N, C-alpha and C. Protein backbone atom coordinates (compact mmCIF):
# COMPACT_ATOMS: atom_id res chain seq x y z
N MET A 1 -1.18 -102.36 53.81
CA MET A 1 -1.13 -101.50 54.96
C MET A 1 -2.43 -100.71 55.06
N GLU A 2 -3.08 -100.77 56.22
CA GLU A 2 -4.33 -100.05 56.43
C GLU A 2 -4.01 -98.65 56.93
N ARG A 3 -4.68 -97.65 56.35
CA ARG A 3 -4.42 -96.29 56.78
C ARG A 3 -5.42 -95.88 57.84
N GLU A 4 -5.10 -94.81 58.51
CA GLU A 4 -6.00 -94.24 59.52
C GLU A 4 -7.29 -93.79 58.84
N PRO A 5 -8.38 -93.72 59.61
CA PRO A 5 -9.62 -93.19 59.02
C PRO A 5 -9.37 -91.78 58.47
N LEU A 6 -10.04 -91.46 57.39
CA LEU A 6 -9.90 -90.14 56.78
C LEU A 6 -10.66 -89.11 57.59
N SER A 7 -10.15 -87.90 57.60
CA SER A 7 -10.87 -86.81 58.25
C SER A 7 -12.11 -86.50 57.43
N PRO A 8 -13.13 -85.90 58.06
CA PRO A 8 -14.32 -85.50 57.28
C PRO A 8 -13.96 -84.58 56.11
N LEU A 9 -13.01 -83.68 56.30
CA LEU A 9 -12.61 -82.77 55.22
C LEU A 9 -11.99 -83.54 54.06
N THR A 10 -11.10 -84.47 54.36
CA THR A 10 -10.45 -85.26 53.32
C THR A 10 -11.48 -86.08 52.55
N MET A 11 -12.37 -86.75 53.27
CA MET A 11 -13.38 -87.57 52.61
C MET A 11 -14.29 -86.71 51.74
N ALA A 12 -14.68 -85.54 52.25
CA ALA A 12 -15.56 -84.65 51.49
C ALA A 12 -14.87 -84.19 50.20
N ILE A 13 -13.58 -83.89 50.27
CA ILE A 13 -12.84 -83.48 49.07
C ILE A 13 -12.80 -84.62 48.06
N LEU A 14 -12.47 -85.82 48.52
CA LEU A 14 -12.39 -86.96 47.61
C LEU A 14 -13.75 -87.28 46.99
N LEU A 15 -14.81 -87.19 47.78
CA LEU A 15 -16.15 -87.43 47.24
C LEU A 15 -16.51 -86.40 46.18
N ALA A 16 -16.20 -85.15 46.45
CA ALA A 16 -16.51 -84.09 45.48
C ALA A 16 -15.73 -84.29 44.19
N LEU A 17 -14.46 -84.64 44.30
CA LEU A 17 -13.64 -84.82 43.11
C LEU A 17 -13.93 -86.13 42.39
N ALA A 18 -14.53 -87.08 43.08
CA ALA A 18 -14.92 -88.33 42.42
C ALA A 18 -16.02 -88.07 41.40
N ARG A 19 -16.82 -87.04 41.66
CA ARG A 19 -17.90 -86.69 40.74
C ARG A 19 -17.38 -85.87 39.56
N GLU A 20 -16.51 -84.87 39.84
CA GLU A 20 -15.98 -84.04 38.76
C GLU A 20 -14.77 -83.25 39.22
N GLU A 21 -13.94 -82.89 38.29
CA GLU A 21 -12.80 -82.02 38.54
C GLU A 21 -13.31 -80.66 38.99
N GLN A 22 -12.64 -80.05 39.97
CA GLN A 22 -13.10 -78.77 40.49
C GLN A 22 -11.93 -77.90 40.93
N HIS A 23 -12.21 -76.61 41.07
CA HIS A 23 -11.21 -75.70 41.63
C HIS A 23 -11.50 -75.52 43.11
N GLY A 24 -10.55 -74.94 43.82
CA GLY A 24 -10.63 -74.84 45.27
C GLY A 24 -11.87 -74.17 45.79
N TYR A 25 -12.28 -73.06 45.18
CA TYR A 25 -13.45 -72.34 45.68
C TYR A 25 -14.71 -73.19 45.54
N ALA A 26 -14.84 -73.90 44.42
CA ALA A 26 -15.99 -74.79 44.24
C ALA A 26 -15.96 -75.92 45.27
N LEU A 27 -14.77 -76.42 45.56
CA LEU A 27 -14.64 -77.48 46.56
C LEU A 27 -15.09 -77.00 47.94
N MET A 28 -14.82 -75.73 48.24
CA MET A 28 -15.24 -75.18 49.51
C MET A 28 -16.77 -75.28 49.65
N GLY A 29 -17.47 -74.95 48.60
CA GLY A 29 -18.93 -75.06 48.61
C GLY A 29 -19.40 -76.50 48.70
N GLU A 30 -18.72 -77.40 48.01
CA GLU A 30 -19.08 -78.83 48.05
C GLU A 30 -18.89 -79.39 49.46
N VAL A 31 -17.78 -79.04 50.09
CA VAL A 31 -17.52 -79.51 51.46
C VAL A 31 -18.61 -79.00 52.40
N GLU A 32 -18.97 -77.74 52.25
CA GLU A 32 -20.03 -77.17 53.09
C GLU A 32 -21.35 -77.90 52.86
N ALA A 33 -21.67 -78.20 51.61
CA ALA A 33 -22.92 -78.90 51.30
C ALA A 33 -22.93 -80.30 51.91
N GLN A 34 -21.79 -80.97 51.92
CA GLN A 34 -21.72 -82.33 52.46
C GLN A 34 -21.72 -82.37 53.98
N THR A 35 -20.99 -81.43 54.60
CA THR A 35 -20.75 -81.51 56.04
C THR A 35 -21.55 -80.51 56.86
N GLY A 36 -22.08 -79.49 56.20
CA GLY A 36 -22.79 -78.44 56.92
C GLY A 36 -21.86 -77.39 57.51
N LYS A 37 -20.55 -77.54 57.26
CA LYS A 37 -19.57 -76.58 57.77
C LYS A 37 -18.67 -76.12 56.63
N ARG A 38 -18.47 -74.81 56.55
CA ARG A 38 -17.60 -74.26 55.51
C ARG A 38 -16.17 -74.27 56.02
N PRO A 39 -15.27 -74.95 55.30
CA PRO A 39 -13.88 -74.98 55.77
C PRO A 39 -13.21 -73.63 55.55
N GLY A 40 -12.27 -73.30 56.38
CA GLY A 40 -11.48 -72.09 56.17
C GLY A 40 -10.60 -72.27 54.94
N THR A 41 -10.27 -71.18 54.30
CA THR A 41 -9.42 -71.25 53.11
C THR A 41 -8.09 -71.93 53.41
N GLY A 42 -7.48 -71.56 54.53
CA GLY A 42 -6.20 -72.16 54.90
C GLY A 42 -6.30 -73.65 55.12
N SER A 43 -7.36 -74.08 55.80
CA SER A 43 -7.56 -75.51 56.05
C SER A 43 -7.77 -76.27 54.76
N LEU A 44 -8.59 -75.70 53.88
CA LEU A 44 -8.89 -76.37 52.62
C LEU A 44 -7.63 -76.53 51.77
N TYR A 45 -6.89 -75.44 51.58
CA TYR A 45 -5.72 -75.52 50.72
C TYR A 45 -4.59 -76.34 51.33
N ALA A 46 -4.50 -76.35 52.66
CA ALA A 46 -3.51 -77.24 53.30
C ALA A 46 -3.88 -78.69 53.04
N ALA A 47 -5.17 -79.01 53.13
CA ALA A 47 -5.63 -80.38 52.85
C ALA A 47 -5.38 -80.74 51.39
N LEU A 48 -5.65 -79.80 50.47
CA LEU A 48 -5.42 -80.07 49.05
C LEU A 48 -3.95 -80.34 48.78
N GLU A 49 -3.07 -79.53 49.37
CA GLU A 49 -1.62 -79.75 49.19
C GLU A 49 -1.20 -81.11 49.72
N ARG A 50 -1.71 -81.49 50.89
CA ARG A 50 -1.36 -82.78 51.47
C ARG A 50 -1.86 -83.93 50.59
N LEU A 51 -3.08 -83.79 50.05
CA LEU A 51 -3.62 -84.83 49.19
C LEU A 51 -2.85 -84.95 47.89
N VAL A 52 -2.35 -83.83 47.36
CA VAL A 52 -1.50 -83.87 46.18
C VAL A 52 -0.20 -84.60 46.52
N GLU A 53 0.42 -84.25 47.65
CA GLU A 53 1.67 -84.90 48.07
C GLU A 53 1.49 -86.40 48.26
N GLU A 54 0.32 -86.81 48.76
CA GLU A 54 0.04 -88.23 48.98
C GLU A 54 -0.38 -88.96 47.71
N GLY A 55 -0.56 -88.21 46.62
CA GLY A 55 -0.94 -88.82 45.35
C GLY A 55 -2.41 -89.18 45.23
N LEU A 56 -3.25 -88.64 46.13
CA LEU A 56 -4.67 -88.96 46.10
C LEU A 56 -5.44 -88.04 45.15
N ILE A 57 -4.92 -86.85 44.93
CA ILE A 57 -5.48 -85.94 43.94
C ILE A 57 -4.32 -85.33 43.17
N GLU A 58 -4.64 -84.69 42.05
CA GLU A 58 -3.60 -84.01 41.29
C GLU A 58 -4.14 -82.70 40.75
N GLU A 59 -3.23 -81.76 40.61
CA GLU A 59 -3.60 -80.47 40.03
C GLU A 59 -3.60 -80.63 38.52
N THR A 60 -4.54 -79.96 37.86
CA THR A 60 -4.63 -80.05 36.41
C THR A 60 -4.48 -78.67 35.80
N ALA A 61 -4.02 -78.64 34.56
CA ALA A 61 -3.85 -77.38 33.85
C ALA A 61 -5.19 -76.84 33.39
N GLU A 62 -6.06 -77.71 33.02
CA GLU A 62 -7.39 -77.32 32.53
C GLU A 62 -8.43 -77.82 33.50
N GLY A 63 -9.58 -77.20 33.45
CA GLY A 63 -10.65 -77.63 34.33
C GLY A 63 -11.98 -77.10 33.85
N PRO A 64 -13.02 -77.38 34.60
CA PRO A 64 -14.34 -76.90 34.22
C PRO A 64 -14.43 -75.39 34.34
N GLY A 65 -15.19 -74.79 33.48
CA GLY A 65 -15.41 -73.35 33.54
C GLY A 65 -14.29 -72.55 32.93
N PRO A 66 -14.50 -71.23 32.81
CA PRO A 66 -13.48 -70.37 32.21
C PRO A 66 -12.23 -70.28 33.08
N ARG A 67 -11.12 -70.08 32.44
CA ARG A 67 -9.84 -70.04 33.16
C ARG A 67 -9.24 -68.63 33.10
N GLU A 68 -10.08 -67.60 33.26
CA GLU A 68 -9.57 -66.24 33.16
C GLU A 68 -8.67 -65.87 34.33
N ASP A 69 -8.89 -66.50 35.48
CA ASP A 69 -8.06 -66.23 36.65
C ASP A 69 -6.95 -67.28 36.70
N GLN A 70 -5.73 -66.88 36.41
CA GLN A 70 -4.61 -67.83 36.37
C GLN A 70 -4.25 -68.39 37.74
N ARG A 71 -4.76 -67.74 38.81
CA ARG A 71 -4.49 -68.26 40.15
C ARG A 71 -5.40 -69.43 40.49
N ARG A 72 -6.48 -69.59 39.74
CA ARG A 72 -7.43 -70.67 40.03
C ARG A 72 -6.74 -72.01 39.75
N ARG A 73 -6.78 -72.87 40.73
CA ARG A 73 -6.14 -74.18 40.61
C ARG A 73 -7.22 -75.24 40.57
N ASN A 74 -7.14 -76.10 39.58
CA ASN A 74 -8.12 -77.18 39.41
C ASN A 74 -7.50 -78.49 39.87
N PHE A 75 -8.35 -79.34 40.44
CA PHE A 75 -7.90 -80.61 40.98
C PHE A 75 -8.81 -81.73 40.48
N ARG A 76 -8.22 -82.93 40.40
CA ARG A 76 -9.00 -84.12 40.09
C ARG A 76 -8.47 -85.27 40.95
N ILE A 77 -9.34 -86.23 41.16
CA ILE A 77 -8.97 -87.39 41.97
C ILE A 77 -8.13 -88.34 41.12
N THR A 78 -7.21 -89.03 41.75
CA THR A 78 -6.39 -90.03 41.07
C THR A 78 -6.99 -91.41 41.33
N ARG A 79 -6.45 -92.40 40.66
CA ARG A 79 -6.90 -93.79 40.91
C ARG A 79 -6.67 -94.15 42.38
N GLY A 80 -5.50 -93.76 42.91
CA GLY A 80 -5.22 -94.01 44.32
C GLY A 80 -6.20 -93.31 45.24
N GLY A 81 -6.62 -92.11 44.86
CA GLY A 81 -7.61 -91.38 45.64
C GLY A 81 -8.96 -92.08 45.64
N ARG A 82 -9.35 -92.60 44.47
CA ARG A 82 -10.60 -93.37 44.39
C ARG A 82 -10.52 -94.62 45.27
N ASP A 83 -9.39 -95.32 45.19
CA ASP A 83 -9.21 -96.52 45.99
C ASP A 83 -9.27 -96.19 47.48
N CYS A 84 -8.65 -95.09 47.86
CA CYS A 84 -8.63 -94.65 49.27
C CYS A 84 -10.04 -94.30 49.73
N ALA A 85 -10.78 -93.55 48.93
CA ALA A 85 -12.15 -93.16 49.29
C ALA A 85 -13.05 -94.40 49.37
N ARG A 86 -12.85 -95.33 48.45
CA ARG A 86 -13.64 -96.57 48.46
C ARG A 86 -13.35 -97.37 49.74
N ALA A 87 -12.07 -97.45 50.13
CA ALA A 87 -11.70 -98.16 51.35
C ALA A 87 -12.30 -97.48 52.58
N GLU A 88 -12.31 -96.15 52.58
CA GLU A 88 -12.90 -95.42 53.71
C GLU A 88 -14.41 -95.65 53.77
N ALA A 89 -15.07 -95.66 52.62
CA ALA A 89 -16.52 -95.93 52.59
C ALA A 89 -16.80 -97.33 53.14
N ALA A 90 -15.97 -98.30 52.78
CA ALA A 90 -16.13 -99.67 53.29
C ALA A 90 -15.91 -99.70 54.80
N ARG A 91 -14.92 -98.95 55.29
CA ARG A 91 -14.67 -98.88 56.73
C ARG A 91 -15.88 -98.28 57.45
N MET A 92 -16.44 -97.23 56.87
CA MET A 92 -17.61 -96.58 57.46
C MET A 92 -18.80 -97.55 57.51
N LEU A 93 -18.96 -98.35 56.47
CA LEU A 93 -20.04 -99.35 56.47
C LEU A 93 -19.84 -100.38 57.57
N ARG A 94 -18.58 -100.78 57.79
CA ARG A 94 -18.31 -101.74 58.88
C ARG A 94 -18.68 -101.13 60.23
N VAL A 95 -18.37 -99.84 60.41
CA VAL A 95 -18.73 -99.15 61.66
C VAL A 95 -20.25 -99.11 61.82
N LEU A 96 -20.97 -98.79 60.74
CA LEU A 96 -22.43 -98.78 60.80
C LEU A 96 -22.99 -100.16 61.12
N ASP A 97 -22.39 -101.20 60.54
CA ASP A 97 -22.83 -102.56 60.85
C ASP A 97 -22.63 -102.87 62.33
N LEU A 98 -21.49 -102.47 62.88
CA LEU A 98 -21.24 -102.68 64.31
C LEU A 98 -22.25 -101.91 65.16
N ALA A 99 -22.54 -100.68 64.77
CA ALA A 99 -23.50 -99.87 65.51
C ALA A 99 -24.88 -100.54 65.50
N ARG A 100 -25.23 -101.11 64.37
CA ARG A 100 -26.52 -101.81 64.27
C ARG A 100 -26.48 -103.08 65.13
N THR A 101 -25.39 -103.83 65.06
CA THR A 101 -25.24 -105.06 65.84
C THR A 101 -25.33 -104.78 67.34
N HIS A 102 -24.78 -103.64 67.76
CA HIS A 102 -24.78 -103.28 69.19
C HIS A 102 -26.01 -102.44 69.57
N ALA A 103 -27.01 -102.45 68.71
CA ALA A 103 -28.30 -101.80 68.97
C ALA A 103 -28.20 -100.28 69.18
N LEU A 104 -27.20 -99.67 68.58
CA LEU A 104 -27.12 -98.21 68.64
C LEU A 104 -28.00 -97.56 67.59
N ILE A 105 -28.18 -98.27 66.48
CA ILE A 105 -29.05 -97.79 65.41
C ILE A 105 -29.89 -98.96 64.92
N GLY A 106 -30.99 -98.63 64.25
CA GLY A 106 -31.79 -99.65 63.60
C GLY A 106 -31.26 -99.82 62.18
N SER A 107 -32.14 -99.74 61.24
CA SER A 107 -31.73 -99.86 59.84
C SER A 107 -31.17 -98.53 59.36
N LEU A 108 -30.50 -98.57 58.22
CA LEU A 108 -30.00 -97.32 57.63
C LEU A 108 -31.16 -96.40 57.28
N ARG A 109 -32.27 -96.96 56.89
CA ARG A 109 -33.47 -96.16 56.59
C ARG A 109 -33.92 -95.40 57.84
N ASP A 110 -33.93 -96.11 58.98
CA ASP A 110 -34.32 -95.45 60.25
C ASP A 110 -33.34 -94.34 60.60
N LEU A 111 -32.07 -94.59 60.40
CA LEU A 111 -31.04 -93.59 60.70
C LEU A 111 -31.21 -92.35 59.82
N ARG A 112 -31.49 -92.58 58.54
CA ARG A 112 -31.70 -91.45 57.63
C ARG A 112 -32.89 -90.60 58.09
N GLU A 113 -33.96 -91.27 58.51
CA GLU A 113 -35.15 -90.55 58.95
C GLU A 113 -34.89 -89.76 60.24
N GLU A 114 -34.07 -90.31 61.13
CA GLU A 114 -33.73 -89.63 62.38
C GLU A 114 -32.91 -88.37 62.13
N THR A 115 -32.10 -88.36 61.10
CA THR A 115 -31.21 -87.23 60.85
C THR A 115 -31.85 -86.14 60.00
N ARG A 116 -33.08 -86.33 59.60
CA ARG A 116 -33.77 -85.29 58.80
C ARG A 116 -34.28 -84.20 59.66
């Protein structure tokens, strides 16, 4: 079964957690670095809860950095989350290939240079 395209927030969370386990506040900074937009706390934690419910990420008891604040919640990506992010990356590549085929973009190198 093919799922709907992931939202930019969901993909940014999965990409950040694919690199390392993180807590919510750190994820907020990672999402901002990736997308250029800082998510609201409510939006971020709602997305994290949904991703936990879907089995794409999981909350962990331990995580990077000191754990002096017991409210700090750490998350890591699951195998299903990696598979989902990989499938979304493949879908995005197919879209880029279509854009190139339809002369909307040149090479990926040209596109990177245009967005700088």
